[in-house]
Amino acid sequence: MTTLSSMHILPITPEQTYPLRHQVLWPDKPLVYVQLAEDAEGYHFGAFVNEELVSVISLFVNTQGEARFRKFATHPDWQGRGMGTALLTRVVDEATRLGAHTLWCDSRQSAADFYRRFDMQPTGEVFYKGPIPYVRMQRRLP
């Protein structure tokens, strides 16, 4: 069994995120659906195990010190094995390093408990993207 000790996190290109974003988040939509107009301005990270990209996340920081992560996806074979936790920990550290004071995301409601483990709290009302309920999760950064 592969452990976290064999996992490493690296900066990646937006294009490297697209296959996992598509497969995990919106497999019923065309690939272009998971591409963001602002991808070129983001910071993209991937978790690799034995050179296989198993989890991706994209971070965007605005000039007001707000950081948002988007398109966080872990291959189903690797979910629940610590890859997403390691990757989100890296993004929290990176957002802090970049001077952000707030970190937020639009979370699928089914993932809200995961984000609570990172001191993120729901803000606002539940909203829908198609049939999927979402909630905004947010936290202050040091």
N, C-alpha and C. Protein backbone atom coordinates (compact mmCIF):
# COMPACT_ATOMS: atom_id res chain seq x y z
N MET A 1 0.85 -1.19 0.00
CA MET A 1 0.00 0.00 0.00
C MET A 1 0.89 1.25 0.00
N THR A 2 0.56 2.19 -0.83
CA THR A 2 1.31 3.43 -0.92
C THR A 2 0.96 4.32 0.26
N THR A 3 1.98 4.96 0.82
CA THR A 3 1.77 5.82 1.98
C THR A 3 2.02 7.27 1.60
N LEU A 4 1.69 8.16 2.52
CA LEU A 4 1.94 9.58 2.28
C LEU A 4 3.42 9.86 2.12
N SER A 5 4.28 9.01 2.68
CA SER A 5 5.72 9.26 2.56
C SER A 5 6.19 9.15 1.12
N SER A 6 5.44 8.47 0.27
CA SER A 6 5.82 8.37 -1.15
C SER A 6 5.11 9.42 -2.01
N MET A 7 4.36 10.31 -1.36
CA MET A 7 3.63 11.37 -2.07
C MET A 7 4.44 12.65 -2.01
N HIS A 8 4.43 13.41 -3.11
CA HIS A 8 5.06 14.72 -3.10
C HIS A 8 4.15 15.70 -3.83
N ILE A 9 4.24 16.96 -3.42
CA ILE A 9 3.41 18.02 -3.98
C ILE A 9 4.30 18.96 -4.77
N LEU A 10 3.86 19.27 -5.99
CA LEU A 10 4.62 20.14 -6.87
C LEU A 10 3.71 21.18 -7.51
N PRO A 11 4.26 22.33 -7.87
CA PRO A 11 3.51 23.25 -8.72
C PRO A 11 3.32 22.60 -10.10
N ILE A 12 2.15 22.81 -10.68
CA ILE A 12 1.85 22.25 -11.99
C ILE A 12 1.21 23.33 -12.85
N THR A 13 1.02 23.03 -14.12
CA THR A 13 0.37 23.97 -15.03
C THR A 13 -1.15 23.79 -14.93
N PRO A 14 -1.89 24.82 -15.34
CA PRO A 14 -3.35 24.65 -15.35
C PRO A 14 -3.77 23.45 -16.20
N GLU A 15 -3.11 23.27 -17.34
CA GLU A 15 -3.48 22.18 -18.24
C GLU A 15 -3.33 20.81 -17.59
N GLN A 16 -2.38 20.68 -16.67
CA GLN A 16 -2.20 19.41 -15.97
C GLN A 16 -3.36 19.11 -15.03
N THR A 17 -4.09 20.14 -14.61
CA THR A 17 -5.21 19.92 -13.70
C THR A 17 -6.46 19.42 -14.42
N TYR A 18 -6.57 19.71 -15.70
CA TYR A 18 -7.84 19.50 -16.40
C TYR A 18 -8.34 18.06 -16.40
N PRO A 19 -7.50 17.05 -16.67
CA PRO A 19 -8.06 15.69 -16.68
C PRO A 19 -8.68 15.27 -15.34
N LEU A 20 -8.03 15.57 -14.22
CA LEU A 20 -8.61 15.19 -12.92
C LEU A 20 -9.82 16.04 -12.58
N ARG A 21 -9.76 17.33 -12.86
CA ARG A 21 -10.93 18.19 -12.66
C ARG A 21 -12.13 17.60 -13.39
N HIS A 22 -11.91 17.22 -14.61
CA HIS A 22 -13.00 16.70 -15.44
C HIS A 22 -13.50 15.36 -14.92
N GLN A 23 -12.58 14.44 -14.71
CA GLN A 23 -12.96 13.08 -14.28
C GLN A 23 -13.69 13.07 -12.94
N VAL A 24 -13.23 13.88 -11.99
CA VAL A 24 -13.75 13.82 -10.63
C VAL A 24 -14.94 14.75 -10.42
N LEU A 25 -14.86 15.98 -10.94
CA LEU A 25 -15.86 16.98 -10.59
C LEU A 25 -17.05 17.04 -11.54
N TRP A 26 -16.80 17.00 -12.83
CA TRP A 26 -17.87 17.19 -13.81
C TRP A 26 -17.69 16.24 -14.99
N PRO A 27 -17.70 14.93 -14.78
CA PRO A 27 -17.46 13.99 -15.89
C PRO A 27 -18.53 14.02 -16.98
N ASP A 28 -19.71 14.51 -16.63
CA ASP A 28 -20.81 14.55 -17.61
C ASP A 28 -20.81 15.81 -18.46
N LYS A 29 -19.88 16.71 -18.19
CA LYS A 29 -19.77 17.97 -18.94
C LYS A 29 -18.58 17.88 -19.90
N PRO A 30 -18.53 18.75 -20.91
CA PRO A 30 -17.34 18.77 -21.78
C PRO A 30 -16.11 19.26 -21.00
N LEU A 31 -14.93 18.89 -21.46
CA LEU A 31 -13.69 19.26 -20.79
C LEU A 31 -13.57 20.77 -20.58
N VAL A 32 -14.01 21.55 -21.51
CA VAL A 32 -13.91 23.01 -21.40
C VAL A 32 -14.66 23.53 -20.16
N TYR A 33 -15.62 22.78 -19.66
CA TYR A 33 -16.40 23.19 -18.49
C TYR A 33 -15.53 23.33 -17.24
N VAL A 34 -14.43 22.59 -17.15
CA VAL A 34 -13.58 22.63 -15.96
C VAL A 34 -12.41 23.59 -16.11
N GLN A 35 -12.33 24.27 -17.23
CA GLN A 35 -11.28 25.26 -17.46
C GLN A 35 -11.78 26.62 -17.02
N LEU A 36 -10.94 27.36 -16.31
CA LEU A 36 -11.32 28.66 -15.79
C LEU A 36 -10.63 29.77 -16.57
N ALA A 37 -11.36 30.84 -16.83
CA ALA A 37 -10.78 31.98 -17.55
C ALA A 37 -9.56 32.52 -16.82
N GLU A 38 -9.56 32.44 -15.50
CA GLU A 38 -8.46 32.99 -14.70
C GLU A 38 -7.36 31.97 -14.39
N ASP A 39 -7.39 30.79 -14.98
CA ASP A 39 -6.37 29.78 -14.69
C ASP A 39 -4.94 30.30 -14.85
N ALA A 40 -4.71 31.15 -15.84
CA ALA A 40 -3.35 31.66 -16.08
C ALA A 40 -2.82 32.48 -14.90
N GLU A 41 -3.72 33.07 -14.09
CA GLU A 41 -3.30 33.88 -12.96
C GLU A 41 -3.19 33.08 -11.66
N GLY A 42 -3.53 31.81 -11.70
CA GLY A 42 -3.57 31.01 -10.48
C GLY A 42 -2.27 30.29 -10.17
N TYR A 43 -2.27 29.70 -8.99
CA TYR A 43 -1.20 28.82 -8.53
C TYR A 43 -1.82 27.43 -8.48
N HIS A 44 -1.22 26.49 -9.18
CA HIS A 44 -1.80 25.16 -9.30
C HIS A 44 -0.83 24.15 -8.70
N PHE A 45 -1.37 23.24 -7.92
CA PHE A 45 -0.55 22.25 -7.24
C PHE A 45 -1.11 20.85 -7.50
N GLY A 46 -0.19 19.91 -7.56
CA GLY A 46 -0.59 18.53 -7.74
C GLY A 46 0.11 17.63 -6.73
N ALA A 47 -0.62 16.63 -6.26
CA ALA A 47 -0.04 15.59 -5.41
C ALA A 47 0.27 14.40 -6.31
N PHE A 48 1.50 13.96 -6.25
CA PHE A 48 1.98 12.87 -7.08
C PHE A 48 2.36 11.68 -6.21
N VAL A 49 2.04 10.49 -6.69
CA VAL A 49 2.50 9.25 -6.08
C VAL A 49 3.13 8.44 -7.20
N ASN A 50 4.40 8.13 -7.04
CA ASN A 50 5.12 7.40 -8.09
C ASN A 50 4.92 8.03 -9.46
N GLU A 51 5.06 9.35 -9.51
CA GLU A 51 4.95 10.15 -10.73
C GLU A 51 3.53 10.23 -11.30
N GLU A 52 2.55 9.61 -10.63
CA GLU A 52 1.16 9.71 -11.07
C GLU A 52 0.49 10.87 -10.35
N LEU A 53 -0.15 11.76 -11.11
CA LEU A 53 -0.88 12.88 -10.54
C LEU A 53 -2.20 12.36 -9.99
N VAL A 54 -2.38 12.45 -8.67
CA VAL A 54 -3.56 11.86 -8.04
C VAL A 54 -4.51 12.87 -7.42
N SER A 55 -4.05 14.13 -7.25
CA SER A 55 -4.90 15.15 -6.67
C SER A 55 -4.43 16.51 -7.15
N VAL A 56 -5.39 17.43 -7.40
CA VAL A 56 -5.06 18.77 -7.89
C VAL A 56 -5.88 19.82 -7.15
N ILE A 57 -5.33 21.03 -7.10
CA ILE A 57 -6.03 22.17 -6.51
C ILE A 57 -5.47 23.43 -7.15
N SER A 58 -6.31 24.45 -7.26
CA SER A 58 -5.90 25.72 -7.84
C SER A 58 -6.21 26.84 -6.87
N LEU A 59 -5.23 27.74 -6.67
CA LEU A 59 -5.33 28.83 -5.72
C LEU A 59 -5.27 30.16 -6.47
N PHE A 60 -6.14 31.07 -6.08
CA PHE A 60 -6.20 32.40 -6.68
C PHE A 60 -6.20 33.42 -5.55
N VAL A 61 -5.31 34.41 -5.63
CA VAL A 61 -5.19 35.43 -4.60
C VAL A 61 -5.41 36.79 -5.25
N ASN A 62 -6.34 37.58 -4.69
CA ASN A 62 -6.59 38.90 -5.26
C ASN A 62 -5.80 39.97 -4.52
N THR A 63 -5.85 41.19 -5.02
CA THR A 63 -5.07 42.28 -4.45
C THR A 63 -5.61 42.76 -3.10
N GLN A 64 -6.80 42.32 -2.72
CA GLN A 64 -7.36 42.67 -1.42
C GLN A 64 -6.98 41.67 -0.33
N GLY A 65 -6.13 40.70 -0.65
CA GLY A 65 -5.68 39.73 0.34
C GLY A 65 -6.65 38.58 0.56
N GLU A 66 -7.52 38.35 -0.39
CA GLU A 66 -8.44 37.22 -0.30
C GLU A 66 -7.93 36.10 -1.21
N ALA A 67 -7.86 34.90 -0.65
CA ALA A 67 -7.42 33.74 -1.41
C ALA A 67 -8.60 32.78 -1.56
N ARG A 68 -8.72 32.25 -2.74
CA ARG A 68 -9.79 31.30 -3.03
C ARG A 68 -9.16 30.08 -3.70
N PHE A 69 -9.54 28.89 -3.24
CA PHE A 69 -9.12 27.71 -3.99
C PHE A 69 -10.32 27.13 -4.71
N ARG A 70 -10.01 26.54 -5.86
CA ARG A 70 -11.06 26.03 -6.74
C ARG A 70 -10.61 24.72 -7.37
N LYS A 71 -11.58 24.01 -7.88
CA LYS A 71 -11.32 22.81 -8.69
C LYS A 71 -10.39 21.83 -7.97
N PHE A 72 -10.72 21.56 -6.72
CA PHE A 72 -9.99 20.63 -5.86
C PHE A 72 -10.51 19.23 -6.16
N ALA A 73 -9.66 18.37 -6.68
CA ALA A 73 -10.11 17.05 -7.09
C ALA A 73 -9.05 15.99 -6.78
N THR A 74 -9.50 14.88 -6.23
CA THR A 74 -8.63 13.73 -5.96
C THR A 74 -9.21 12.52 -6.67
N HIS A 75 -8.34 11.80 -7.37
CA HIS A 75 -8.78 10.60 -8.08
C HIS A 75 -9.50 9.68 -7.10
N PRO A 76 -10.61 9.07 -7.50
CA PRO A 76 -11.38 8.22 -6.58
C PRO A 76 -10.55 7.12 -5.92
N ASP A 77 -9.56 6.56 -6.60
CA ASP A 77 -8.74 5.51 -6.01
C ASP A 77 -7.87 6.01 -4.86
N TRP A 78 -7.71 7.33 -4.77
CA TRP A 78 -6.83 7.92 -3.76
C TRP A 78 -7.59 8.71 -2.70
N GLN A 79 -8.89 8.81 -2.81
CA GLN A 79 -9.67 9.55 -1.83
C GLN A 79 -9.64 8.83 -0.48
N GLY A 80 -9.62 9.62 0.59
CA GLY A 80 -9.61 9.05 1.93
C GLY A 80 -8.26 8.54 2.38
N ARG A 81 -7.19 8.88 1.64
CA ARG A 81 -5.85 8.38 1.97
C ARG A 81 -4.88 9.50 2.31
N GLY A 82 -5.41 10.70 2.55
CA GLY A 82 -4.57 11.80 3.02
C GLY A 82 -4.03 12.71 1.94
N MET A 83 -4.28 12.40 0.69
CA MET A 83 -3.74 13.22 -0.40
C MET A 83 -4.36 14.62 -0.38
N GLY A 84 -5.67 14.69 -0.26
CA GLY A 84 -6.35 15.98 -0.24
C GLY A 84 -5.97 16.80 0.98
N THR A 85 -5.82 16.15 2.12
CA THR A 85 -5.41 16.85 3.33
C THR A 85 -4.04 17.48 3.15
N ALA A 86 -3.10 16.71 2.61
CA ALA A 86 -1.75 17.24 2.37
C ALA A 86 -1.79 18.40 1.38
N LEU A 87 -2.58 18.26 0.34
CA LEU A 87 -2.64 19.30 -0.69
C LEU A 87 -3.29 20.58 -0.16
N LEU A 88 -4.37 20.45 0.59
CA LEU A 88 -5.01 21.64 1.15
C LEU A 88 -4.12 22.30 2.19
N THR A 89 -3.37 21.52 2.96
CA THR A 89 -2.41 22.09 3.91
C THR A 89 -1.39 22.94 3.17
N ARG A 90 -0.93 22.45 2.03
CA ARG A 90 0.03 23.22 1.21
C ARG A 90 -0.59 24.52 0.73
N VAL A 91 -1.85 24.49 0.33
CA VAL A 91 -2.52 25.69 -0.17
C VAL A 91 -2.74 26.70 0.95
N VAL A 92 -3.08 26.26 2.14
CA VAL A 92 -3.21 27.17 3.27
C VAL A 92 -1.86 27.86 3.52
N ASP A 93 -0.79 27.09 3.52
CA ASP A 93 0.55 27.65 3.72
C ASP A 93 0.91 28.63 2.61
N GLU A 94 0.59 28.28 1.38
CA GLU A 94 0.93 29.14 0.24
C GLU A 94 0.12 30.43 0.28
N ALA A 95 -1.15 30.36 0.59
CA ALA A 95 -1.98 31.56 0.68
C ALA A 95 -1.45 32.49 1.77
N THR A 96 -1.04 31.91 2.89
CA THR A 96 -0.47 32.70 3.98
C THR A 96 0.84 33.34 3.52
N ARG A 97 1.69 32.58 2.86
CA ARG A 97 2.97 33.09 2.35
C ARG A 97 2.76 34.24 1.39
N LEU A 98 1.70 34.17 0.60
CA LEU A 98 1.40 35.22 -0.38
C LEU A 98 0.73 36.43 0.23
N GLY A 99 0.50 36.41 1.54
CA GLY A 99 -0.03 37.58 2.24
C GLY A 99 -1.54 37.64 2.34
N ALA A 100 -2.22 36.57 2.00
CA ALA A 100 -3.69 36.57 2.11
C ALA A 100 -4.10 36.55 3.58
N HIS A 101 -5.22 37.19 3.88
CA HIS A 101 -5.75 37.19 5.25
C HIS A 101 -7.01 36.33 5.36
N THR A 102 -7.59 35.95 4.24
CA THR A 102 -8.80 35.13 4.21
C THR A 102 -8.64 34.05 3.15
N LEU A 103 -9.13 32.86 3.44
CA LEU A 103 -9.15 31.77 2.48
C LEU A 103 -10.58 31.25 2.38
N TRP A 104 -11.05 31.05 1.17
CA TRP A 104 -12.42 30.56 1.00
C TRP A 104 -12.53 29.67 -0.22
N CYS A 105 -13.67 28.96 -0.26
CA CYS A 105 -14.01 28.13 -1.42
C CYS A 105 -15.52 27.97 -1.46
N ASP A 106 -16.00 27.61 -2.62
CA ASP A 106 -17.38 27.16 -2.75
C ASP A 106 -17.32 25.64 -2.70
N SER A 107 -17.83 25.08 -1.61
CA SER A 107 -17.72 23.65 -1.35
C SER A 107 -19.02 22.92 -1.68
N ARG A 108 -18.87 21.77 -2.27
CA ARG A 108 -20.04 20.90 -2.33
C ARG A 108 -20.44 20.65 -0.88
N GLN A 109 -21.73 20.69 -0.63
CA GLN A 109 -22.20 20.53 0.75
C GLN A 109 -21.72 19.20 1.35
N SER A 110 -21.58 18.20 0.52
CA SER A 110 -21.12 16.88 0.98
C SER A 110 -19.67 16.91 1.48
N ALA A 111 -18.91 17.93 1.13
CA ALA A 111 -17.50 18.03 1.54
C ALA A 111 -17.28 19.03 2.68
N ALA A 112 -18.33 19.66 3.16
CA ALA A 112 -18.18 20.71 4.17
C ALA A 112 -17.49 20.22 5.44
N ASP A 113 -17.75 19.01 5.87
CA ASP A 113 -17.10 18.50 7.08
C ASP A 113 -15.59 18.39 6.90
N PHE A 114 -15.13 18.05 5.71
CA PHE A 114 -13.70 18.00 5.42
C PHE A 114 -13.08 19.38 5.65
N TYR A 115 -13.72 20.43 5.14
CA TYR A 115 -13.18 21.77 5.27
C TYR A 115 -13.24 22.29 6.71
N ARG A 116 -14.19 21.81 7.48
CA ARG A 116 -14.25 22.20 8.90
C ARG A 116 -12.98 21.74 9.63
N ARG A 117 -12.38 20.67 9.19
CA ARG A 117 -11.13 20.20 9.80
C ARG A 117 -10.00 21.20 9.60
N PHE A 118 -10.17 22.13 8.68
CA PHE A 118 -9.18 23.17 8.41
C PHE A 118 -9.66 24.53 8.95
N ASP A 119 -10.53 24.48 9.94
CA ASP A 119 -11.07 25.68 10.59
C ASP A 119 -11.88 26.55 9.64
N MET A 120 -12.41 25.98 8.59
CA MET A 120 -13.27 26.73 7.68
C MET A 120 -14.70 26.59 8.16
N GLN A 121 -15.44 27.68 8.06
CA GLN A 121 -16.83 27.71 8.51
C GLN A 121 -17.74 28.13 7.36
N PRO A 122 -18.96 27.59 7.33
CA PRO A 122 -19.89 28.01 6.27
C PRO A 122 -20.32 29.46 6.45
N THR A 123 -20.46 30.15 5.35
CA THR A 123 -20.97 31.52 5.35
C THR A 123 -22.02 31.61 4.26
N GLY A 124 -23.11 32.29 4.55
CA GLY A 124 -24.15 32.45 3.55
C GLY A 124 -25.06 31.23 3.44
N GLU A 125 -25.90 31.30 2.45
CA GLU A 125 -26.92 30.27 2.23
C GLU A 125 -26.41 29.19 1.28
N VAL A 126 -27.04 28.05 1.36
CA VAL A 126 -26.78 26.97 0.41
C VAL A 126 -27.23 27.43 -0.98
N PHE A 127 -26.45 27.11 -1.99
CA PHE A 127 -26.81 27.42 -3.38
C PHE A 127 -26.52 26.20 -4.23
N TYR A 128 -27.00 26.22 -5.44
CA TYR A 128 -26.90 25.04 -6.31
C TYR A 128 -26.17 25.35 -7.60
N LYS A 129 -25.36 24.38 -8.03
CA LYS A 129 -24.79 24.36 -9.37
C LYS A 129 -25.41 23.12 -9.99
N GLY A 130 -26.38 23.33 -10.87
CA GLY A 130 -27.17 22.20 -11.35
C GLY A 130 -27.88 21.60 -10.15
N PRO A 131 -27.86 20.27 -10.01
CA PRO A 131 -28.56 19.64 -8.89
C PRO A 131 -27.71 19.53 -7.62
N ILE A 132 -26.48 20.04 -7.64
CA ILE A 132 -25.55 19.82 -6.53
C ILE A 132 -25.57 21.00 -5.56
N PRO A 133 -25.88 20.75 -4.25
CA PRO A 133 -25.88 21.83 -3.27
C PRO A 133 -24.45 22.21 -2.86
N TYR A 134 -24.23 23.51 -2.78
CA TYR A 134 -22.94 24.07 -2.39
C TYR A 134 -23.12 25.01 -1.22
N VAL A 135 -22.02 25.24 -0.50
CA VAL A 135 -21.98 26.24 0.56
C VAL A 135 -20.59 26.89 0.51
N ARG A 136 -20.55 28.18 0.76
CA ARG A 136 -19.26 28.87 0.82
C ARG A 136 -18.63 28.58 2.19
N MET A 137 -17.36 28.17 2.16
CA MET A 137 -16.59 27.90 3.39
C MET A 137 -15.45 28.91 3.43
N GLN A 138 -15.16 29.41 4.65
CA GLN A 138 -14.18 30.48 4.77
C GLN A 138 -13.44 30.39 6.09
N ARG A 139 -12.21 30.91 6.11
CA ARG A 139 -11.45 31.03 7.34
C ARG A 139 -10.49 32.21 7.25
N ARG A 140 -10.10 32.71 8.41
CA ARG A 140 -9.07 33.74 8.49
C ARG A 140 -7.72 33.03 8.47
N LEU A 141 -6.72 33.72 7.93
CA LEU A 141 -5.37 33.21 7.91
C LEU A 141 -4.53 34.02 8.89
N PRO A 142 -3.45 33.43 9.41
CA PRO A 142 -2.61 34.16 10.35
C PRO A 142 -1.95 35.38 9.72
